[in-house]
Amino acid sequence: MRKTSTIFLMLVLTVLLAGCAKPPQEALTAAQGALQAAKDAQAEKYAKTELQAVDDLINQANTEIETQNAKFALFRNYDKAKELLTQAVAAGEKAKQAAIDGKAAAKKDAETSLADAKAAVAAAKEILGKAPKGKDTKAEIEAMTADVTGMETALTEIEGQIGKEEYLDAAAKAKSVKEKAAQVQNQVQQAIDKKKAGKKAPAKAK
């Protein structure tokens, strides 16, 4: 009789343990896959905030899983962890799309910035040819000419960056070139205006 009771208790315990909640491994794998898909879409560069949200949710889920694992088997409940992982998958899809959109926007910005920089360099080069020439301005003109040559080289480098899909760096460099070209234009224009003003000034009476 005692032996039968023991066997019965063992069977009951086995059934109970078999019915205990198990860690949501499939959900965790799906969430990690969504995170990787977002990274593959370059979310680390173009959707950092959205990617961080996915990572945070997965970390929260892992913490919850560890908390439940520490409990007695019969009292474990992974519902909260499953919900967090479900949210992580959705957040991963959002991060992936944000990365795709962000990359497209960055490409457009880089191409627009390059076109603006090219126009600014061309304008600087054109007005530089009209700069007042003389002993006092020779060194300045040579320096600005060298600057413009450097800008033209930079434009070629920017085109290469865009070809390599380095859109953020390309846009930043293009905007810098545009600014430098504008400075050359302003300096030359000031020199031209100064020369014109000098010609118009009336001669002093003797």
C-alpha atoms as a PDB file:
ATOM      1  CA  MET A   1       0.000   0.000   0.000  1.00  0.00           C
ATOM      2  CA  ARG A   2       2.793   2.362   0.949  1.00  0.00           C
ATOM      3  CA  LYS A   3       4.621   1.512  -2.243  1.00  0.00           C
ATOM      4  CA  THR A   4       1.506   2.265  -4.291  1.00  0.00           C
ATOM      5  CA  SER A   5       1.079   5.653  -2.589  1.00  0.00           C
ATOM      6  CA  THR A   6       4.696   6.525  -3.280  1.00  0.00           C
ATOM      7  CA  ILE A   7       4.343   5.646  -6.938  1.00  0.00           C
ATOM      8  CA  PHE A   8       1.136   7.665  -7.124  1.00  0.00           C
ATOM      9  CA  LEU A   9       2.789  10.719  -5.560  1.00  0.00           C
ATOM     10  CA  MET A  10       5.705  10.431  -7.958  1.00  0.00           C
ATOM     11  CA  LEU A  11       3.319  10.287 -10.895  1.00  0.00           C
ATOM     12  CA  VAL A  12       1.426  13.353  -9.619  1.00  0.00           C
ATOM     13  CA  LEU A  13       4.682  15.260  -9.125  1.00  0.00           C
ATOM     14  CA  THR A  14       5.852  14.286 -12.597  1.00  0.00           C
ATOM     15  CA  VAL A  15       2.618  15.552 -14.141  1.00  0.00           C
ATOM     16  CA  LEU A  16       2.809  18.797 -12.204  1.00  0.00           C
ATOM     17  CA  LEU A  17       6.399  19.420 -13.178  1.00  0.00           C
ATOM     18  CA  ALA A  18       5.631  18.616 -16.801  1.00  0.00           C
ATOM     19  CA  GLY A  19       2.884  21.205 -16.712  1.00  0.00           C
ATOM     20  CA  CYS A  20       5.127  23.898 -15.230  1.00  0.00           C
ATOM     21  CA  ALA A  21       5.727  27.028 -17.273  1.00  0.00           C
ATOM     22  CA  LYS A  22       8.872  26.998 -19.407  1.00  0.00           C
ATOM     23  CA  PRO A  23      11.052  29.947 -20.487  1.00  0.00           C
ATOM     24  CA  PRO A  24       9.721  31.469 -23.757  1.00  0.00           C
ATOM     25  CA  GLN A  25      12.729  30.486 -25.853  1.00  0.00           C
ATOM     26  CA  GLU A  26      10.941  30.783 -29.194  1.00  0.00           C
ATOM     27  CA  ALA A  27       9.722  34.277 -28.342  1.00  0.00           C
ATOM     28  CA  LEU A  28      13.225  35.256 -27.229  1.00  0.00           C
ATOM     29  CA  THR A  29      14.704  33.927 -30.468  1.00  0.00           C
ATOM     30  CA  ALA A  30      12.133  35.885 -32.480  1.00  0.00           C
ATOM     31  CA  ALA A  31      12.934  39.082 -30.584  1.00  0.00           C
ATOM     32  CA  GLN A  32      16.672  38.619 -31.068  1.00  0.00           C
ATOM     33  CA  GLY A  33      16.038  37.994 -34.756  1.00  0.00           C
ATOM     34  CA  ALA A  34      14.077  41.240 -35.023  1.00  0.00           C
ATOM     35  CA  LEU A  35      16.931  43.061 -33.299  1.00  0.00           C
ATOM     36  CA  GLN A  36      19.471  41.633 -35.735  1.00  0.00           C
ATOM     37  CA  ALA A  37      17.275  42.471 -38.729  1.00  0.00           C
ATOM     38  CA  ALA A  38      17.169  46.090 -37.573  1.00  0.00           C
ATOM     39  CA  LYS A  39      20.952  46.124 -37.192  1.00  0.00           C
ATOM     40  CA  ASP A  40      21.346  44.631 -40.654  1.00  0.00           C
ATOM     41  CA  ALA A  41      19.287  47.564 -41.968  1.00  0.00           C
ATOM     42  CA  GLN A  42      21.879  49.860 -40.305  1.00  0.00           C
ATOM     43  CA  ALA A  43      19.634  50.966 -37.459  1.00  0.00           C
ATOM     44  CA  GLU A  44      22.771  51.570 -35.384  1.00  0.00           C
ATOM     45  CA  LYS A  45      23.505  54.470 -37.721  1.00  0.00           C
ATOM     46  CA  TYR A  46      20.097  55.661 -38.891  1.00  0.00           C
ATOM     47  CA  ALA A  47      17.661  54.663 -36.115  1.00  0.00           C
ATOM     48  CA  LYS A  48      19.602  54.594 -32.861  1.00  0.00           C
ATOM     49  CA  THR A  49      16.668  55.525 -30.636  1.00  0.00           C
ATOM     50  CA  GLU A  50      14.369  52.882 -32.110  1.00  0.00           C
ATOM     51  CA  LEU A  51      17.094  50.237 -31.901  1.00  0.00           C
ATOM     52  CA  GLN A  52      17.772  51.057 -28.264  1.00  0.00           C
ATOM     53  CA  ALA A  53      14.075  50.535 -27.515  1.00  0.00           C
ATOM     54  CA  VAL A  54      14.306  46.974 -28.871  1.00  0.00           C
ATOM     55  CA  ASP A  55      17.410  46.245 -26.857  1.00  0.00           C
ATOM     56  CA  ASP A  56      15.802  47.598 -23.692  1.00  0.00           C
ATOM     57  CA  LEU A  57      12.735  45.389 -24.105  1.00  0.00           C
ATOM     58  CA  ILE A  58      14.841  42.282 -24.619  1.00  0.00           C
ATOM     59  CA  ASN A  59      16.909  43.099 -21.548  1.00  0.00           C
ATOM     60  CA  GLN A  60      13.742  43.575 -19.506  1.00  0.00           C
ATOM     61  CA  ALA A  61      12.430  40.247 -20.755  1.00  0.00           C
ATOM     62  CA  ASN A  62      15.684  38.486 -19.865  1.00  0.00           C
ATOM     63  CA  THR A  63      15.558  39.973 -16.376  1.00  0.00           C
ATOM     64  CA  GLU A  64      11.989  38.763 -15.976  1.00  0.00           C
ATOM     65  CA  ILE A  65      12.933  35.286 -17.212  1.00  0.00           C
ATOM     66  CA  GLU A  66      15.771  35.123 -14.689  1.00  0.00           C
ATOM     67  CA  THR A  67      13.373  36.204 -11.942  1.00  0.00           C
ATOM     68  CA  GLN A  68      10.934  33.442 -12.836  1.00  0.00           C
ATOM     69  CA  ASN A  69      13.693  30.848 -13.181  1.00  0.00           C
ATOM     70  CA  ALA A  70      14.706  31.569  -9.606  1.00  0.00           C
ATOM     71  CA  LYS A  71      11.244  30.602  -8.356  1.00  0.00           C
ATOM     72  CA  PHE A  72      10.025  27.112  -7.507  1.00  0.00           C
ATOM     73  CA  ALA A  73       8.941  25.413 -10.737  1.00  0.00           C
ATOM     74  CA  LEU A  74       5.234  25.336  -9.854  1.00  0.00           C
ATOM     75  CA  PHE A  75       5.141  29.090  -9.295  1.00  0.00           C
ATOM     76  CA  ARG A  76       6.887  30.242 -12.459  1.00  0.00           C
ATOM     77  CA  ASN A  77       4.945  32.456 -14.858  1.00  0.00           C
ATOM     78  CA  TYR A  78       6.529  33.795 -18.029  1.00  0.00           C
ATOM     79  CA  ASP A  79       3.527  35.786 -19.306  1.00  0.00           C
ATOM     80  CA  LYS A  80       5.177  39.131 -18.605  1.00  0.00           C
ATOM     81  CA  ALA A  81       8.365  38.032 -20.345  1.00  0.00           C
ATOM     82  CA  LYS A  82       6.364  36.840 -23.359  1.00  0.00           C
ATOM     83  CA  GLU A  83       4.574  40.192 -23.572  1.00  0.00           C
ATOM     84  CA  LEU A  84       7.869  42.080 -23.430  1.00  0.00           C
ATOM     85  CA  LEU A  85       9.302  39.897 -26.164  1.00  0.00           C
ATOM     86  CA  THR A  86       6.225  40.407 -28.324  1.00  0.00           C
ATOM     87  CA  GLN A  87       6.719  44.140 -27.907  1.00  0.00           C
ATOM     88  CA  ALA A  88      10.395  43.701 -28.781  1.00  0.00           C
ATOM     89  CA  VAL A  89       9.537  42.013 -32.083  1.00  0.00           C
ATOM     90  CA  ALA A  90       7.186  44.868 -32.991  1.00  0.00           C
ATOM     91  CA  ALA A  91       9.784  47.414 -31.929  1.00  0.00           C
ATOM     92  CA  GLY A  92      12.388  45.604 -34.020  1.00  0.00           C
ATOM     93  CA  GLU A  93      10.227  45.858 -37.121  1.00  0.00           C
ATOM     94  CA  LYS A  94       9.705  49.547 -36.369  1.00  0.00           C
ATOM     95  CA  ALA A  95      13.449  50.077 -35.951  1.00  0.00           C
ATOM     96  CA  LYS A  96      14.168  48.295 -39.220  1.00  0.00           C
ATOM     97  CA  GLN A  97      11.731  50.495 -41.138  1.00  0.00           C
ATOM     98  CA  ALA A  98      13.041  53.619 -39.404  1.00  0.00           C
ATOM     99  CA  ALA A  99      16.552  52.647 -40.476  1.00  0.00           C
ATOM    100  CA  ILE A 100      15.466  52.149 -44.080  1.00  0.00           C
ATOM    101  CA  ASP A 101      13.682  55.513 -44.096  1.00  0.00           C
ATOM    102  CA  GLY A 102      16.560  57.225 -42.308  1.00  0.00           C
ATOM    103  CA  LYS A 103      19.084  55.896 -44.779  1.00  0.00           C
ATOM    104  CA  ALA A 104      16.993  57.106 -47.720  1.00  0.00           C
ATOM    105  CA  ALA A 105      16.707  60.561 -46.135  1.00  0.00           C
ATOM    106  CA  ALA A 106      20.443  60.635 -45.442  1.00  0.00           C
ATOM    107  CA  LYS A 107      21.196  59.739 -49.053  1.00  0.00           C
ATOM    108  CA  LYS A 108      18.976  62.532 -50.314  1.00  0.00           C
ATOM    109  CA  ASP A 109      20.579  65.005 -47.906  1.00  0.00           C
ATOM    110  CA  ALA A 110      24.074  63.952 -48.980  1.00  0.00           C
ATOM    111  CA  GLU A 111      23.264  64.301 -52.672  1.00  0.00           C
ATOM    112  CA  THR A 112      21.609  67.693 -52.153  1.00  0.00           C
ATOM    113  CA  SER A 113      24.494  68.909 -50.012  1.00  0.00           C
ATOM    114  CA  LEU A 114      26.977  67.781 -52.651  1.00  0.00           C
ATOM    115  CA  ALA A 115      25.103  69.657 -55.387  1.00  0.00           C
ATOM    116  CA  ASP A 116      25.029  72.795 -53.221  1.00  0.00           C
ATOM    117  CA  ALA A 117      28.726  72.463 -52.464  1.00  0.00           C
ATOM    118  CA  LYS A 118      29.576  72.063 -56.162  1.00  0.00           C
ATOM    119  CA  ALA A 119      27.600  75.205 -57.004  1.00  0.00           C
ATOM    120  CA  ALA A 120      29.291  77.141 -54.202  1.00  0.00           C
ATOM    121  CA  VAL A 121      32.781  76.045 -55.276  1.00  0.00           C
ATOM    122  CA  ALA A 122      32.038  76.922 -58.906  1.00  0.00           C
ATOM    123  CA  ALA A 123      30.831  80.383 -57.816  1.00  0.00           C
ATOM    124  CA  ALA A 124      33.919  80.874 -55.658  1.00  0.00           C
ATOM    125  CA  LYS A 125      36.176  79.882 -58.532  1.00  0.00           C
ATOM    126  CA  GLU A 126      34.379  82.251 -60.893  1.00  0.00           C
ATOM    127  CA  ILE A 127      34.514  85.289 -58.634  1.00  0.00           C
ATOM    128  CA  LEU A 128      38.132  84.523 -57.735  1.00  0.00           C
ATOM    129  CA  GLY A 129      38.987  85.159 -61.362  1.00  0.00           C
ATOM    130  CA  LYS A 130      37.611  88.699 -60.916  1.00  0.00           C
ATOM    131  CA  ALA A 131      39.615  89.440 -57.762  1.00  0.00           C
ATOM    132  CA  PRO A 132      41.626  92.685 -57.840  1.00  0.00           C
ATOM    133  CA  LYS A 133      45.195  91.788 -58.703  1.00  0.00           C
ATOM    134  CA  GLY A 134      48.201  93.577 -57.328  1.00  0.00           C
ATOM    135  CA  LYS A 135      51.220  93.213 -55.074  1.00  0.00           C
ATOM    136  CA  ASP A 136      49.086  93.615 -51.961  1.00  0.00           C
ATOM    137  CA  THR A 137      46.560  90.941 -52.946  1.00  0.00           C
ATOM    138  CA  LYS A 138      48.824  88.410 -54.687  1.00  0.00           C
ATOM    139  CA  ALA A 139      49.458  86.252 -51.607  1.00  0.00           C
ATOM    140  CA  GLU A 140      45.788  86.266 -50.605  1.00  0.00           C
ATOM    141  CA  ILE A 141      44.638  85.302 -54.089  1.00  0.00           C
ATOM    142  CA  GLU A 142      47.151  82.455 -54.230  1.00  0.00           C
ATOM    143  CA  ALA A 143      45.990  81.210 -50.831  1.00  0.00           C
ATOM    144  CA  MET A 144      42.323  81.314 -51.847  1.00  0.00           C
ATOM    145  CA  THR A 145      43.121  79.627 -55.149  1.00  0.00           C
ATOM    146  CA  ALA A 146      44.792  76.804 -53.230  1.00  0.00           C
ATOM    147  CA  ASP A 147      41.728  76.606 -50.983  1.00  0.00           C
ATOM    148  CA  VAL A 148      39.410  76.261 -53.962  1.00  0.00           C
ATOM    149  CA  THR A 149      41.635  73.542 -55.439  1.00  0.00           C
ATOM    150  CA  GLY A 150      41.401  71.702 -52.126  1.00  0.00           C
ATOM    151  CA  MET A 151      37.622  72.066 -52.191  1.00  0.00           C
ATOM    152  CA  GLU A 152      37.453  70.528 -55.661  1.00  0.00           C
ATOM    153  CA  THR A 153      39.450  67.572 -54.392  1.00  0.00           C
ATOM    154  CA  ALA A 154      37.075  67.302 -51.444  1.00  0.00           C
ATOM    155  CA  LEU A 155      34.090  67.191 -53.813  1.00  0.00           C
ATOM    156  CA  THR A 156      35.575  64.139 -55.511  1.00  0.00           C
ATOM    157  CA  GLU A 157      36.086  62.500 -52.116  1.00  0.00           C
ATOM    158  CA  ILE A 158      32.479  63.249 -51.174  1.00  0.00           C
ATOM    159  CA  GLU A 159      31.254  61.593 -54.361  1.00  0.00           C
ATOM    160  CA  GLY A 160      33.250  58.524 -53.342  1.00  0.00           C
ATOM    161  CA  GLN A 161      31.688  58.538 -49.882  1.00  0.00           C
ATOM    162  CA  ILE A 162      28.211  58.652 -51.378  1.00  0.00           C
ATOM    163  CA  GLY A 163      29.140  55.744 -53.628  1.00  0.00           C
ATOM    164  CA  LYS A 164      30.113  53.802 -50.483  1.00  0.00           C
ATOM    165  CA  GLU A 165      26.819  54.782 -48.814  1.00  0.00           C
ATOM    166  CA  GLU A 166      28.629  56.883 -46.184  1.00  0.00           C
ATOM    167  CA  TYR A 167      25.830  59.414 -46.397  1.00  0.00           C
ATOM    168  CA  LEU A 168      26.118  61.096 -43.005  1.00  0.00           C
ATOM    169  CA  ASP A 169      29.837  61.781 -43.354  1.00  0.00           C
ATOM    170  CA  ALA A 170      29.391  62.864 -46.965  1.00  0.00           C
ATOM    171  CA  ALA A 171      26.667  65.367 -46.080  1.00  0.00           C
ATOM    172  CA  ALA A 172      28.699  66.842 -43.224  1.00  0.00           C
ATOM    173  CA  LYS A 173      31.773  67.239 -45.428  1.00  0.00           C
ATOM    174  CA  ALA A 174      29.761  68.748 -48.285  1.00  0.00           C
ATOM    175  CA  LYS A 175      28.203  71.331 -45.965  1.00  0.00           C
ATOM    176  CA  SER A 176      31.673  72.228 -44.683  1.00  0.00           C
ATOM    177  CA  VAL A 177      32.952  72.700 -48.244  1.00  0.00           C
ATOM    178  CA  LYS A 178      29.963  74.885 -49.082  1.00  0.00           C
ATOM    179  CA  GLU A 179      30.675  77.069 -46.063  1.00  0.00           C
ATOM    180  CA  LYS A 180      34.338  77.467 -46.984  1.00  0.00           C
ATOM    181  CA  ALA A 181      33.429  78.320 -50.573  1.00  0.00           C
ATOM    182  CA  ALA A 182      31.017  80.979 -49.320  1.00  0.00           C
ATOM    183  CA  GLN A 183      33.808  82.498 -47.238  1.00  0.00           C
ATOM    184  CA  VAL A 184      36.024  82.778 -50.319  1.00  0.00           C
ATOM    185  CA  GLN A 185      33.183  84.421 -52.237  1.00  0.00           C
ATOM    186  CA  ASN A 186      32.637  86.947 -49.448  1.00  0.00           C
ATOM    187  CA  GLN A 187      36.334  87.809 -49.156  1.00  0.00           C
ATOM    188  CA  VAL A 188      36.721  88.356 -52.885  1.00  0.00           C
ATOM    189  CA  GLN A 189      33.490  90.350 -53.093  1.00  0.00           C
ATOM    190  CA  GLN A 190      34.663  92.603 -50.281  1.00  0.00           C
ATOM    191  CA  ALA A 191      37.939  93.185 -52.122  1.00  0.00           C
ATOM    192  CA  ILE A 192      36.040  94.032 -55.332  1.00  0.00           C
ATOM    193  CA  ASP A 193      33.702  96.398 -53.501  1.00  0.00           C
ATOM    194  CA  LYS A 194      36.644  98.083 -51.768  1.00  0.00           C
ATOM    195  CA  LYS A 195      38.394  98.650 -55.067  1.00  0.00           C
ATOM    196  CA  LYS A 196      35.236 100.102 -56.614  1.00  0.00           C
ATOM    197  CA  ALA A 197      34.756 102.412 -53.650  1.00  0.00           C
ATOM    198  CA  GLY A 198      38.341 103.614 -53.991  1.00  0.00           C
ATOM    199  CA  LYS A 199      37.827 104.516 -57.640  1.00  0.00           C
ATOM    200  CA  LYS A 200      34.670 106.486 -56.884  1.00  0.00           C
ATOM    201  CA  ALA A 201      36.201 108.495 -54.044  1.00  0.00           C
ATOM    202  CA  PRO A 202      36.737 112.139 -55.095  1.00  0.00           C
ATOM    203  CA  ALA A 203      40.276 113.386 -55.291  1.00  0.00           C
ATOM    204  CA  LYS A 204      41.414 115.599 -52.390  1.00  0.00           C
ATOM    205  CA  ALA A 205      41.901 119.308 -53.203  1.00  0.00           C
ATOM    206  CA  LYS A 206      45.490 120.460 -53.129  1.00  0.00           C
END
